[in-house]
C-alpha atoms as a PDB file:
ATOM      1  CA  MET A   1     -13.924  -4.100 -54.553  1.00  0.00           C
ATOM      2  CA  SER A   2     -16.374  -3.218 -51.963  1.00  0.00           C
ATOM      3  CA  ASN A   3     -18.503  -0.584 -51.979  1.00  0.00           C
ATOM      4  CA  VAL A   4     -17.422   2.023 -49.412  1.00  0.00           C
ATOM      5  CA  ILE A   5     -20.002   4.825 -47.695  1.00  0.00           C
ATOM      6  CA  ILE A   6     -18.430   7.260 -46.821  1.00  0.00           C
ATOM      7  CA  PRO A   7     -20.415   9.966 -44.531  1.00  0.00           C
ATOM      8  CA  SER A   8     -21.248  12.988 -46.451  1.00  0.00           C
ATOM      9  CA  SER A   9     -22.959  14.632 -43.416  1.00  0.00           C
ATOM     10  CA  PRO A  10     -19.912  17.296 -41.993  1.00  0.00           C
ATOM     11  CA  ALA A  11     -21.437  16.287 -38.237  1.00  0.00           C
ATOM     12  CA  ASP A  12     -20.930  12.235 -38.904  1.00  0.00           C
ATOM     13  CA  VAL A  13     -17.592  12.928 -40.590  1.00  0.00           C
ATOM     14  CA  LYS A  14     -16.468  15.031 -37.389  1.00  0.00           C
ATOM     15  CA  ARG A  15     -18.117  12.099 -35.122  1.00  0.00           C
ATOM     16  CA  ILE A  16     -15.738   9.725 -36.538  1.00  0.00           C
ATOM     17  CA  LYS A  17     -12.143  11.506 -36.763  1.00  0.00           C
ATOM     18  CA  ASP A  18     -12.985  13.061 -33.302  1.00  0.00           C
ATOM     19  CA  CYS A  19     -13.759   9.080 -32.268  1.00  0.00           C
ATOM     20  CA  ILE A  20     -10.701   7.548 -33.387  1.00  0.00           C
ATOM     21  CA  ILE A  21      -8.622  10.148 -32.391  1.00  0.00           C
ATOM     22  CA  GLU A  22      -9.760   9.701 -28.600  1.00  0.00           C
ATOM     23  CA  ILE A  23      -9.110   6.403 -29.130  1.00  0.00           C
ATOM     24  CA  SER A  24      -6.110   6.450 -29.966  1.00  0.00           C
ATOM     25  CA  ASN A  25      -5.458   9.193 -26.858  1.00  0.00           C
ATOM     26  CA  ALA A  26      -6.864   5.659 -24.768  1.00  0.00           C
ATOM     27  CA  MET A  27      -4.418   3.660 -26.759  1.00  0.00           C
ATOM     28  CA  THR A  28      -1.882   5.683 -25.687  1.00  0.00           C
ATOM     29  CA  LEU A  29      -2.470   5.848 -22.120  1.00  0.00           C
ATOM     30  CA  ILE A  30      -2.954   1.750 -21.901  1.00  0.00           C
ATOM     31  CA  GLN A  31       0.335   1.237 -23.996  1.00  0.00           C
ATOM     32  CA  ALA A  32       1.863   3.701 -21.039  1.00  0.00           C
ATOM     33  CA  GLN A  33       0.506   2.288 -18.449  1.00  0.00           C
ATOM     34  CA  LYS A  34       1.897  -1.741 -19.375  1.00  0.00           C
ATOM     35  CA  ASP A  35       5.139  -0.022 -20.090  1.00  0.00           C
ATOM     36  CA  PHE A  36       4.958   1.236 -16.347  1.00  0.00           C
ATOM     37  CA  ILE A  37       3.953  -2.199 -15.112  1.00  0.00           C
ATOM     38  CA  LYS A  38       6.463  -3.996 -16.886  1.00  0.00           C
ATOM     39  CA  GLU A  39       9.218  -1.468 -15.522  1.00  0.00           C
ATOM     40  CA  ALA A  40       7.734  -1.539 -11.559  1.00  0.00           C
ATOM     41  CA  VAL A  41       7.601  -5.661 -11.858  1.00  0.00           C
ATOM     42  CA  GLU A  42      11.125  -5.827 -12.942  1.00  0.00           C
ATOM     43  CA  LEU A  43      12.507  -2.976 -10.349  1.00  0.00           C
ATOM     44  CA  CYS A  44      10.736  -4.997  -7.882  1.00  0.00           C
ATOM     45  CA  CYS A  45      11.897  -8.535  -8.615  1.00  0.00           C
ATOM     46  CA  GLU A  46      15.543  -7.246  -8.838  1.00  0.00           C
ATOM     47  CA  ASP A  47      14.991  -5.191  -5.454  1.00  0.00           C
ATOM     48  CA  VAL A  48      13.474  -8.118  -3.277  1.00  0.00           C
ATOM     49  CA  GLU A  49      14.217 -11.440  -5.643  1.00  0.00           C
ATOM     50  CA  ILE A  50      10.951 -12.395  -6.371  1.00  0.00           C
ATOM     51  CA  ASP A  51      10.334 -14.667  -9.517  1.00  0.00           C
ATOM     52  CA  LYS A  52       8.110 -12.184 -11.733  1.00  0.00           C
ATOM     53  CA  LYS A  53       5.528 -14.653 -12.448  1.00  0.00           C
ATOM     54  CA  HIS A  54       4.309 -14.786  -8.663  1.00  0.00           C
ATOM     55  CA  LEU A  55       4.332 -11.237  -8.661  1.00  0.00           C
ATOM     56  CA  LYS A  56       2.217 -10.746 -11.866  1.00  0.00           C
ATOM     57  CA  LYS A  57      -0.078 -13.358 -10.414  1.00  0.00           C
ATOM     58  CA  MET A  58      -0.574 -11.971  -7.040  1.00  0.00           C
ATOM     59  CA  SER A  59      -1.068  -8.532  -8.639  1.00  0.00           C
ATOM     60  CA  THR A  60      -3.668  -9.669 -10.496  1.00  0.00           C
ATOM     61  CA  ILE A  61      -5.673 -11.165  -7.750  1.00  0.00           C
ATOM     62  CA  TYR A  62      -4.970  -8.405  -5.920  1.00  0.00           C
ATOM     63  CA  HIS A  63      -6.752  -6.200  -8.274  1.00  0.00           C
ATOM     64  CA  LYS A  64      -9.434  -8.467  -8.610  1.00  0.00           C
ATOM     65  CA  GLN A  65      -9.728  -9.283  -5.334  1.00  0.00           C
ATOM     66  CA  ASN A  66     -10.565 -12.593  -6.130  1.00  0.00           C
ATOM     67  CA  LEU A  67      -7.663 -15.527  -3.880  1.00  0.00           C
ATOM     68  CA  SER A  68     -11.067 -17.510  -2.901  1.00  0.00           C
ATOM     69  CA  GLU A  69     -11.710 -18.406  -6.461  1.00  0.00           C
ATOM     70  CA  ILE A  70      -8.644 -18.531  -7.221  1.00  0.00           C
ATOM     71  CA  LEU A  71      -7.630 -21.404  -4.268  1.00  0.00           C
ATOM     72  CA  GLY A  72     -10.978 -23.357  -5.442  1.00  0.00           C
ATOM     73  CA  GLU A  73     -10.052 -23.590  -9.103  1.00  0.00           C
ATOM     74  CA  ILE A  74      -6.643 -24.877  -7.676  1.00  0.00           C
ATOM     75  CA  GLU A  75      -8.560 -27.347  -5.880  1.00  0.00           C
ATOM     76  CA  VAL A  76     -10.621 -28.644  -8.418  1.00  0.00           C
ATOM     77  CA  VAL A  77      -7.681 -29.150 -10.678  1.00  0.00           C
ATOM     78  CA  GLU A  78      -5.468 -30.983  -7.824  1.00  0.00           C
ATOM     79  CA  ALA A  79      -8.316 -33.194  -7.423  1.00  0.00           C
ATOM     80  CA  LEU A  80      -9.025 -33.565 -11.298  1.00  0.00           C
ATOM     81  CA  TYR A  81      -5.119 -34.196 -11.731  1.00  0.00           C
ATOM     82  CA  GLU A  82      -4.951 -36.907  -8.917  1.00  0.00           C
ATOM     83  CA  GLY A  83      -7.545 -38.758 -10.041  1.00  0.00           C
ATOM     84  CA  VAL A  84      -6.808 -38.760 -13.679  1.00  0.00           C
ATOM     85  CA  MET A  85      -2.807 -39.177 -13.262  1.00  0.00           C
ATOM     86  CA  ALA A  86      -2.936 -41.615 -10.049  1.00  0.00           C
END
């Protein structure tokens, strides 16, 4: 068993405990947002008959504002694929 050093300072113990609580609260918020995103995707895809993977991809591109980067990557992959598989 490895040696564990438990802080003896009450201030340090409180700081660690407060940090753990804040991290847990943040994890709860993250999970709630993930659940919201999943539900929003499902409802929208049912309503407008779009593939979930396309809606998710478009949402990610919109969020990151990186359409030109994605298109550039596709061009590179297309050129490599055609060069290798032709």
